[in-house]
N, C-alpha and C. Protein backbone atom coordinates (compact mmCIF):
# COMPACT_ATOMS: atom_id res chain seq x y z
N UNK A 1 93.16 -64.09 47.84
CA UNK A 1 94.38 -63.93 47.06
C UNK A 1 94.23 -64.75 45.77
N UNK A 2 94.57 -64.13 44.62
CA UNK A 2 94.43 -64.86 43.36
C UNK A 2 95.42 -66.01 43.27
N UNK A 3 94.99 -67.02 42.57
CA UNK A 3 95.81 -68.21 42.35
C UNK A 3 96.99 -67.84 41.44
N UNK A 4 98.27 -68.08 41.85
CA UNK A 4 99.42 -67.71 41.02
C UNK A 4 99.43 -68.41 39.67
N UNK A 5 98.98 -69.65 39.62
CA UNK A 5 98.95 -70.37 38.33
C UNK A 5 97.95 -69.73 37.39
N UNK A 6 96.82 -69.31 37.97
CA UNK A 6 95.78 -68.66 37.15
C UNK A 6 96.28 -67.32 36.62
N UNK A 7 96.98 -66.57 37.45
CA UNK A 7 97.54 -65.28 37.04
C UNK A 7 98.58 -65.46 35.95
N UNK A 8 99.41 -66.49 36.09
CA UNK A 8 100.43 -66.77 35.09
C UNK A 8 99.79 -67.14 33.74
N UNK A 9 98.73 -67.98 33.79
CA UNK A 9 98.05 -68.35 32.55
C UNK A 9 97.43 -67.13 31.88
N UNK A 10 96.82 -66.27 32.67
CA UNK A 10 96.20 -65.05 32.12
C UNK A 10 97.25 -64.15 31.49
N UNK A 11 98.41 -64.02 32.15
CA UNK A 11 99.50 -63.20 31.60
C UNK A 11 100.03 -63.79 30.29
N UNK A 12 100.16 -65.12 30.23
CA UNK A 12 100.62 -65.76 28.99
C UNK A 12 99.61 -65.57 27.87
N UNK A 13 98.33 -65.66 28.20
CA UNK A 13 97.30 -65.44 27.18
C UNK A 13 97.36 -64.02 26.66
N UNK A 14 97.52 -63.06 27.56
CA UNK A 14 97.61 -61.66 27.14
C UNK A 14 98.84 -61.43 26.28
N UNK A 15 99.96 -62.03 26.67
CA UNK A 15 101.19 -61.91 25.89
C UNK A 15 101.01 -62.55 24.50
N UNK A 16 100.34 -63.69 24.47
CA UNK A 16 100.09 -64.36 23.19
C UNK A 16 99.23 -63.51 22.27
N UNK A 17 98.18 -62.90 22.83
CA UNK A 17 97.30 -62.04 22.03
C UNK A 17 98.07 -60.82 21.52
N UNK A 18 98.90 -60.22 22.39
CA UNK A 18 99.71 -59.07 21.96
C UNK A 18 100.68 -59.44 20.84
N UNK A 19 101.30 -60.61 20.94
CA UNK A 19 102.23 -61.05 19.89
C UNK A 19 101.48 -61.29 18.58
N UNK A 20 100.29 -61.89 18.67
CA UNK A 20 99.51 -62.11 17.45
C UNK A 20 99.09 -60.77 16.84
N UNK A 21 98.70 -59.80 17.66
CA UNK A 21 98.34 -58.47 17.14
C UNK A 21 99.55 -57.79 16.51
N UNK A 22 100.71 -57.91 17.15
CA UNK A 22 101.93 -57.33 16.56
C UNK A 22 102.21 -57.97 15.21
N UNK A 23 102.03 -59.28 15.12
CA UNK A 23 102.22 -59.97 13.85
C UNK A 23 101.27 -59.47 12.78
N UNK A 24 100.01 -59.25 13.15
CA UNK A 24 99.04 -58.73 12.18
C UNK A 24 99.38 -57.30 11.74
N UNK A 25 99.87 -56.50 12.68
CA UNK A 25 100.28 -55.13 12.33
C UNK A 25 101.45 -55.16 11.36
N UNK A 26 102.46 -55.98 11.66
CA UNK A 26 103.59 -56.10 10.74
C UNK A 26 103.15 -56.64 9.38
N UNK A 27 102.19 -57.55 9.37
CA UNK A 27 101.68 -58.08 8.11
C UNK A 27 101.00 -56.98 7.30
N UNK A 28 100.24 -56.12 7.97
CA UNK A 28 99.61 -54.99 7.27
C UNK A 28 100.67 -54.04 6.70
N UNK A 29 101.71 -53.77 7.46
CA UNK A 29 102.78 -52.90 6.98
C UNK A 29 103.47 -53.52 5.77
N UNK A 30 103.77 -54.81 5.84
CA UNK A 30 104.44 -55.45 4.71
C UNK A 30 103.52 -55.51 3.50
N UNK A 31 102.22 -55.67 3.73
CA UNK A 31 101.27 -55.63 2.62
C UNK A 31 101.26 -54.27 1.95
N UNK A 32 101.28 -53.21 2.77
CA UNK A 32 101.32 -51.86 2.21
C UNK A 32 102.62 -51.63 1.44
N UNK A 33 103.75 -52.08 1.98
CA UNK A 33 105.03 -51.93 1.28
C UNK A 33 105.04 -52.71 -0.03
N UNK A 34 104.47 -53.91 -0.02
CA UNK A 34 104.38 -54.69 -1.24
C UNK A 34 103.50 -54.01 -2.28
N UNK A 35 102.38 -53.46 -1.84
CA UNK A 35 101.50 -52.75 -2.76
C UNK A 35 102.21 -51.54 -3.36
N UNK A 36 102.93 -50.78 -2.52
CA UNK A 36 103.63 -49.59 -3.01
C UNK A 36 104.74 -49.98 -4.00
N UNK A 37 105.43 -51.07 -3.74
CA UNK A 37 106.45 -51.55 -4.67
C UNK A 37 105.81 -51.93 -6.00
N UNK A 38 104.67 -52.62 -5.93
CA UNK A 38 103.98 -52.99 -7.15
C UNK A 38 103.54 -51.76 -7.94
N UNK A 39 103.04 -50.73 -7.25
CA UNK A 39 102.63 -49.49 -7.94
C UNK A 39 103.82 -48.90 -8.69
N UNK A 40 104.99 -48.85 -8.04
CA UNK A 40 106.17 -48.29 -8.69
C UNK A 40 106.59 -49.12 -9.90
N UNK A 41 106.44 -50.43 -9.80
CA UNK A 41 106.85 -51.30 -10.91
C UNK A 41 105.84 -51.30 -12.06
N UNK A 42 104.57 -51.32 -11.73
CA UNK A 42 103.56 -51.54 -12.75
C UNK A 42 102.92 -50.27 -13.30
N UNK A 43 102.83 -49.22 -12.49
CA UNK A 43 102.06 -48.06 -12.91
C UNK A 43 102.89 -46.83 -13.25
N UNK A 44 104.09 -46.74 -12.73
CA UNK A 44 104.88 -45.55 -13.02
C UNK A 44 105.42 -45.62 -14.45
N UNK A 45 105.38 -44.50 -15.19
CA UNK A 45 105.93 -44.50 -16.55
C UNK A 45 107.45 -44.72 -16.54
N UNK A 46 107.93 -45.29 -17.63
CA UNK A 46 109.37 -45.54 -17.76
C UNK A 46 109.93 -44.69 -18.88
N UNK A 47 111.11 -44.16 -18.64
CA UNK A 47 111.79 -43.33 -19.63
C UNK A 47 113.28 -43.65 -19.62
N UNK A 48 113.95 -43.25 -20.68
CA UNK A 48 115.41 -43.31 -20.70
C UNK A 48 115.93 -42.04 -20.06
N UNK A 49 116.86 -42.19 -19.14
CA UNK A 49 117.39 -41.04 -18.40
C UNK A 49 118.91 -41.10 -18.41
N UNK A 50 119.51 -39.93 -18.32
CA UNK A 50 120.96 -39.83 -18.22
C UNK A 50 121.35 -39.77 -16.75
N UNK A 51 122.25 -40.65 -16.35
CA UNK A 51 122.74 -40.65 -14.97
C UNK A 51 123.68 -39.48 -14.80
N UNK A 52 123.33 -38.57 -13.90
CA UNK A 52 124.14 -37.37 -13.66
C UNK A 52 125.21 -37.65 -12.60
N UNK A 53 124.80 -38.29 -11.51
CA UNK A 53 125.78 -38.61 -10.47
C UNK A 53 125.37 -39.87 -9.72
N UNK A 54 126.38 -40.51 -9.14
CA UNK A 54 126.18 -41.75 -8.38
C UNK A 54 127.04 -41.67 -7.13
N UNK A 55 126.38 -41.66 -5.96
CA UNK A 55 127.09 -41.62 -4.69
C UNK A 55 126.73 -42.86 -3.89
N UNK A 56 127.73 -43.70 -3.64
CA UNK A 56 127.51 -44.95 -2.92
C UNK A 56 128.04 -44.80 -1.49
N UNK A 57 127.18 -45.16 -0.53
CA UNK A 57 127.57 -45.11 0.88
C UNK A 57 127.50 -46.51 1.47
N UNK A 58 127.60 -46.61 2.79
CA UNK A 58 127.55 -47.92 3.46
C UNK A 58 126.18 -48.57 3.38
N UNK A 59 125.12 -47.79 3.19
CA UNK A 59 123.75 -48.33 3.22
C UNK A 59 123.07 -48.35 1.85
N UNK A 60 123.73 -47.84 0.83
CA UNK A 60 123.11 -47.83 -0.49
C UNK A 60 123.70 -46.76 -1.40
N UNK A 61 122.94 -46.43 -2.44
CA UNK A 61 123.41 -45.46 -3.41
C UNK A 61 122.34 -44.41 -3.66
N UNK A 62 122.78 -43.18 -3.87
CA UNK A 62 121.92 -42.07 -4.27
C UNK A 62 122.27 -41.76 -5.72
N UNK A 63 121.25 -41.86 -6.58
CA UNK A 63 121.45 -41.68 -8.01
C UNK A 63 120.65 -40.46 -8.47
N UNK A 64 121.30 -39.58 -9.21
CA UNK A 64 120.64 -38.39 -9.76
C UNK A 64 120.55 -38.57 -11.27
N UNK A 65 119.35 -38.41 -11.81
CA UNK A 65 119.08 -38.59 -13.24
C UNK A 65 118.53 -37.31 -13.85
N UNK A 66 118.73 -37.19 -15.14
CA UNK A 66 118.13 -36.11 -15.92
C UNK A 66 117.34 -36.76 -17.06
N UNK A 67 116.08 -36.33 -17.23
CA UNK A 67 115.21 -36.96 -18.22
C UNK A 67 114.05 -36.03 -18.56
N UNK A 68 113.31 -36.39 -19.60
CA UNK A 68 112.13 -35.63 -20.01
C UNK A 68 110.88 -36.34 -19.53
N UNK A 69 109.97 -35.56 -18.93
CA UNK A 69 108.68 -36.08 -18.49
C UNK A 69 107.64 -34.98 -18.70
N UNK A 70 106.62 -35.29 -19.47
CA UNK A 70 105.57 -34.31 -19.73
C UNK A 70 106.06 -33.10 -20.51
N UNK A 71 107.10 -33.28 -21.32
CA UNK A 71 107.64 -32.19 -22.12
C UNK A 71 108.63 -31.31 -21.39
N UNK A 72 108.92 -31.61 -20.14
CA UNK A 72 109.87 -30.81 -19.35
C UNK A 72 111.09 -31.64 -18.99
N UNK A 73 112.23 -30.93 -18.89
CA UNK A 73 113.46 -31.58 -18.44
C UNK A 73 113.40 -31.64 -16.92
N UNK A 74 113.54 -32.86 -16.38
CA UNK A 74 113.43 -33.09 -14.94
C UNK A 74 114.74 -33.65 -14.43
N UNK A 75 115.10 -33.23 -13.23
CA UNK A 75 116.21 -33.85 -12.50
C UNK A 75 115.59 -34.60 -11.34
N UNK A 76 115.78 -35.92 -11.33
CA UNK A 76 115.18 -36.75 -10.30
C UNK A 76 116.21 -37.53 -9.53
N UNK A 77 115.81 -37.93 -8.34
CA UNK A 77 116.71 -38.66 -7.44
C UNK A 77 116.09 -40.02 -7.13
N UNK A 78 116.92 -41.06 -7.20
CA UNK A 78 116.50 -42.40 -6.83
C UNK A 78 117.52 -43.03 -5.90
N UNK A 79 117.07 -44.02 -5.18
CA UNK A 79 117.94 -44.69 -4.21
C UNK A 79 117.93 -46.19 -4.44
N UNK A 80 119.07 -46.81 -4.23
CA UNK A 80 119.20 -48.27 -4.24
C UNK A 80 119.78 -48.62 -2.88
N UNK A 81 119.01 -49.40 -2.10
CA UNK A 81 119.42 -49.73 -0.74
C UNK A 81 120.09 -51.09 -0.68
N UNK A 82 121.06 -51.21 0.21
CA UNK A 82 121.75 -52.48 0.41
C UNK A 82 123.17 -52.25 0.86
N UNK A 83 123.87 -53.32 1.20
CA UNK A 83 125.27 -53.21 1.61
C UNK A 83 126.12 -52.63 0.48
N UNK A 84 127.11 -51.87 0.86
CA UNK A 84 127.96 -51.16 -0.10
C UNK A 84 128.51 -52.09 -1.19
N UNK A 85 129.00 -53.25 -0.79
CA UNK A 85 129.62 -54.16 -1.77
C UNK A 85 128.61 -54.64 -2.81
N UNK A 86 127.41 -55.02 -2.38
CA UNK A 86 126.42 -55.51 -3.35
C UNK A 86 125.90 -54.37 -4.23
N UNK A 87 125.75 -53.18 -3.67
CA UNK A 87 125.29 -52.04 -4.47
C UNK A 87 126.36 -51.67 -5.50
N UNK A 88 127.62 -51.69 -5.08
CA UNK A 88 128.70 -51.38 -6.03
C UNK A 88 128.71 -52.36 -7.21
N UNK A 89 128.56 -53.65 -6.91
CA UNK A 89 128.58 -54.63 -8.00
C UNK A 89 127.34 -54.51 -8.88
N UNK A 90 126.17 -54.21 -8.30
CA UNK A 90 124.94 -54.07 -9.09
C UNK A 90 124.98 -52.84 -9.98
N UNK A 91 125.64 -51.79 -9.52
CA UNK A 91 125.68 -50.53 -10.27
C UNK A 91 127.02 -50.28 -10.94
N UNK A 92 127.81 -51.31 -11.10
CA UNK A 92 129.16 -51.17 -11.67
C UNK A 92 129.12 -50.52 -13.05
N UNK A 93 128.18 -50.91 -13.89
CA UNK A 93 128.12 -50.37 -15.25
C UNK A 93 127.37 -49.03 -15.32
N UNK A 94 126.85 -48.56 -14.21
CA UNK A 94 126.09 -47.31 -14.19
C UNK A 94 127.05 -46.14 -13.94
N UNK A 95 127.73 -45.71 -14.95
CA UNK A 95 128.65 -44.58 -14.82
C UNK A 95 127.92 -43.29 -15.16
N UNK A 96 128.29 -42.18 -14.53
CA UNK A 96 127.68 -40.90 -14.90
C UNK A 96 127.85 -40.65 -16.41
N UNK A 97 126.76 -40.18 -17.02
CA UNK A 97 126.75 -39.94 -18.45
C UNK A 97 126.09 -41.06 -19.25
N UNK A 98 125.90 -42.24 -18.63
CA UNK A 98 125.25 -43.35 -19.33
C UNK A 98 123.73 -43.20 -19.28
N UNK A 99 123.07 -43.86 -20.22
CA UNK A 99 121.61 -43.83 -20.27
C UNK A 99 121.07 -45.08 -19.59
N UNK A 100 120.12 -44.87 -18.68
CA UNK A 100 119.52 -45.97 -17.94
C UNK A 100 117.99 -45.86 -18.05
N UNK A 101 117.32 -46.98 -18.00
CA UNK A 101 115.85 -47.00 -18.02
C UNK A 101 115.36 -46.88 -16.58
N UNK A 102 114.54 -45.87 -16.30
CA UNK A 102 114.04 -45.63 -14.96
C UNK A 102 112.52 -45.49 -15.00
N UNK A 103 111.92 -45.54 -13.82
CA UNK A 103 110.50 -45.22 -13.65
C UNK A 103 110.43 -43.96 -12.80
N UNK A 104 109.40 -43.15 -13.03
CA UNK A 104 109.23 -41.95 -12.21
C UNK A 104 107.77 -41.83 -11.77
N UNK A 105 107.59 -41.16 -10.66
CA UNK A 105 106.26 -40.95 -10.09
C UNK A 105 105.54 -39.87 -10.90
N UNK A 106 104.40 -40.18 -11.52
CA UNK A 106 103.71 -39.16 -12.31
C UNK A 106 103.19 -38.00 -11.45
N UNK A 107 102.93 -38.25 -10.17
CA UNK A 107 102.48 -37.17 -9.28
C UNK A 107 103.65 -36.27 -8.86
N UNK A 108 104.84 -36.82 -8.81
CA UNK A 108 106.05 -36.06 -8.46
C UNK A 108 107.19 -36.59 -9.33
N UNK A 109 107.34 -36.04 -10.55
CA UNK A 109 108.31 -36.59 -11.51
C UNK A 109 109.76 -36.58 -11.03
N UNK A 110 110.06 -35.90 -9.93
CA UNK A 110 111.44 -35.91 -9.43
C UNK A 110 111.73 -37.16 -8.59
N UNK A 111 110.70 -37.96 -8.28
CA UNK A 111 110.92 -39.20 -7.54
C UNK A 111 111.12 -40.33 -8.53
N UNK A 112 112.25 -41.01 -8.41
CA UNK A 112 112.68 -41.99 -9.40
C UNK A 112 112.81 -43.37 -8.76
N UNK A 113 112.45 -44.39 -9.52
CA UNK A 113 112.73 -45.78 -9.14
C UNK A 113 113.71 -46.32 -10.17
N UNK A 114 115.02 -46.43 -9.80
CA UNK A 114 116.01 -46.84 -10.79
C UNK A 114 116.00 -48.33 -11.13
N UNK A 115 115.67 -49.18 -10.17
CA UNK A 115 115.67 -50.62 -10.41
C UNK A 115 114.21 -51.06 -10.46
N UNK A 116 113.77 -51.59 -11.58
CA UNK A 116 112.37 -51.98 -11.68
C UNK A 116 112.22 -53.41 -12.17
N UNK A 117 112.82 -54.30 -11.42
CA UNK A 117 112.70 -55.72 -11.74
C UNK A 117 112.14 -56.47 -10.56
N UNK A 118 111.76 -57.70 -10.79
CA UNK A 118 111.23 -58.53 -9.73
C UNK A 118 112.38 -59.30 -9.08
N UNK A 119 113.15 -58.56 -8.27
CA UNK A 119 114.33 -59.11 -7.62
C UNK A 119 114.25 -58.83 -6.13
N UNK A 120 115.12 -59.47 -5.34
CA UNK A 120 115.11 -59.30 -3.88
C UNK A 120 115.33 -57.84 -3.50
N UNK A 121 116.21 -57.15 -4.18
CA UNK A 121 116.48 -55.76 -3.85
C UNK A 121 115.25 -54.88 -3.94
N UNK A 122 114.35 -55.23 -4.83
CA UNK A 122 113.12 -54.46 -4.99
C UNK A 122 112.06 -54.90 -3.99
N UNK A 123 111.92 -56.19 -3.77
CA UNK A 123 110.83 -56.72 -2.95
C UNK A 123 111.25 -57.04 -1.52
N UNK A 124 112.54 -56.97 -1.20
CA UNK A 124 113.00 -57.32 0.15
C UNK A 124 112.37 -56.50 1.24
N UNK A 125 112.06 -55.24 0.95
CA UNK A 125 111.45 -54.36 1.95
C UNK A 125 110.05 -54.76 2.34
N UNK A 126 109.38 -55.55 1.51
CA UNK A 126 108.04 -56.01 1.88
C UNK A 126 108.03 -57.49 2.27
N UNK A 127 108.96 -58.26 1.77
CA UNK A 127 109.01 -59.69 2.09
C UNK A 127 109.55 -59.91 3.50
N UNK A 128 110.60 -59.18 3.87
CA UNK A 128 111.20 -59.36 5.20
C UNK A 128 110.20 -59.07 6.32
N UNK A 129 109.45 -57.95 6.27
CA UNK A 129 108.46 -57.75 7.34
C UNK A 129 107.36 -58.81 7.34
N UNK A 130 107.01 -59.35 6.18
CA UNK A 130 105.99 -60.41 6.14
C UNK A 130 106.50 -61.66 6.87
N UNK A 131 107.76 -62.01 6.66
CA UNK A 131 108.32 -63.17 7.36
C UNK A 131 108.40 -62.90 8.86
N UNK A 132 108.80 -61.69 9.22
CA UNK A 132 108.88 -61.29 10.62
C UNK A 132 107.50 -61.35 11.27
N UNK A 133 106.47 -60.88 10.55
CA UNK A 133 105.12 -60.89 11.10
C UNK A 133 104.62 -62.32 11.28
N UNK A 134 104.97 -63.20 10.37
CA UNK A 134 104.56 -64.60 10.50
C UNK A 134 105.18 -65.22 11.76
N UNK A 135 106.44 -64.90 12.03
CA UNK A 135 107.09 -65.42 13.24
C UNK A 135 106.39 -64.90 14.50
N UNK A 136 106.05 -63.61 14.51
CA UNK A 136 105.35 -63.03 15.65
C UNK A 136 104.00 -63.71 15.85
N UNK A 137 103.26 -63.87 14.76
CA UNK A 137 101.93 -64.43 14.86
C UNK A 137 101.98 -65.87 15.35
N UNK A 138 102.85 -66.69 14.75
CA UNK A 138 102.97 -68.09 15.16
C UNK A 138 103.47 -68.17 16.60
N UNK A 139 104.42 -67.32 16.96
CA UNK A 139 104.89 -67.31 18.34
C UNK A 139 103.77 -66.95 19.30
N UNK A 140 102.95 -65.99 18.93
CA UNK A 140 101.82 -65.60 19.76
C UNK A 140 100.82 -66.73 19.93
N UNK A 141 100.58 -67.48 18.86
CA UNK A 141 99.67 -68.63 18.94
C UNK A 141 100.24 -69.66 19.90
N UNK A 142 101.54 -69.96 19.80
CA UNK A 142 102.15 -70.94 20.69
C UNK A 142 102.10 -70.49 22.14
N UNK A 143 102.37 -69.22 22.40
CA UNK A 143 102.33 -68.71 23.77
C UNK A 143 100.90 -68.78 24.31
N UNK A 144 99.95 -68.37 23.49
CA UNK A 144 98.55 -68.41 23.92
C UNK A 144 98.10 -69.84 24.19
N UNK A 145 98.37 -70.74 23.23
CA UNK A 145 97.96 -72.13 23.41
C UNK A 145 98.72 -72.80 24.55
N UNK A 146 99.97 -72.41 24.76
CA UNK A 146 100.77 -72.98 25.83
C UNK A 146 100.34 -72.53 27.21
N UNK A 147 99.52 -71.47 27.27
CA UNK A 147 99.08 -70.98 28.58
C UNK A 147 98.04 -71.90 29.21
N UNK A 148 97.49 -72.82 28.45
CA UNK A 148 96.52 -73.77 28.99
C UNK A 148 97.27 -74.95 29.58
N UNK A 149 96.88 -75.35 30.75
CA UNK A 149 97.54 -76.50 31.36
C UNK A 149 96.90 -77.79 30.82
N UNK A 150 97.36 -78.88 31.31
CA UNK A 150 96.87 -80.17 30.81
C UNK A 150 95.65 -80.68 31.55
N UNK A 151 95.00 -79.83 32.33
CA UNK A 151 93.84 -80.29 33.11
C UNK A 151 92.55 -80.26 32.32
N UNK A 152 92.64 -79.94 31.04
CA UNK A 152 91.45 -80.00 30.21
C UNK A 152 90.79 -78.66 29.97
N UNK A 153 91.45 -77.54 30.32
CA UNK A 153 90.81 -76.24 30.08
C UNK A 153 91.20 -75.65 28.72
N UNK A 154 91.87 -76.45 27.89
CA UNK A 154 92.24 -75.99 26.55
C UNK A 154 90.99 -75.84 25.68
N UNK A 155 90.88 -74.74 24.93
CA UNK A 155 89.71 -74.59 24.08
C UNK A 155 89.75 -75.64 22.97
N UNK A 156 88.80 -76.48 22.96
CA UNK A 156 88.79 -77.60 22.04
C UNK A 156 87.36 -77.79 21.54
N UNK A 157 87.23 -77.91 20.24
CA UNK A 157 85.90 -78.06 19.65
C UNK A 157 85.22 -79.33 20.17
N UNK A 158 85.97 -80.42 20.26
CA UNK A 158 85.38 -81.67 20.73
C UNK A 158 84.84 -81.53 22.14
N UNK A 159 85.61 -80.86 23.02
CA UNK A 159 85.16 -80.70 24.39
C UNK A 159 83.90 -79.86 24.47
N UNK A 160 83.84 -78.79 23.68
CA UNK A 160 82.65 -77.94 23.76
C UNK A 160 81.44 -78.66 23.18
N UNK A 161 81.62 -79.49 22.16
CA UNK A 161 80.50 -80.26 21.59
C UNK A 161 80.05 -81.32 22.59
N UNK A 162 81.02 -82.02 23.22
CA UNK A 162 80.68 -83.07 24.17
C UNK A 162 80.01 -82.51 25.41
N UNK A 163 80.43 -81.30 25.83
CA UNK A 163 79.86 -80.73 27.04
C UNK A 163 78.41 -80.32 26.84
N UNK A 164 78.01 -80.06 25.58
CA UNK A 164 76.62 -79.69 25.31
C UNK A 164 75.71 -80.92 25.34
N UNK A 165 76.28 -82.08 25.13
CA UNK A 165 75.47 -83.32 25.09
C UNK A 165 75.25 -83.88 26.45
């Protein structure tokens, strides 16, 4: 019959490794989101566009713009995500008929990025998962390291060097 303490340590180690892997996966996702945000901010062309309509809901706003791109008149849609109250205050001066500076995707000119600043609303989608991934990874390290008892079976560089001598 297997030793219950040994089984518990093995389960904690497996849980720790899984948490660290989940943290790395979330870190990769946040890295991809950060890269995509940077592409929209740095590489997409910017034009002056006329705001056609603004619909604010509980989770954000849907903005429809009309603008010229590549010599053609384009109607594009952009979104601003966040709580209704903060979106309303951020877009208070954005009335239909006003001219706003937007970025658009050159591969699909109907995709619009209305807010192109280095602010939380723009980067929050990549920063929040990065913080979440760090918590998972650190938690996984603590669970993994905590699975070793105090009898000296903890992986330690000094112990492995001393055992070779």
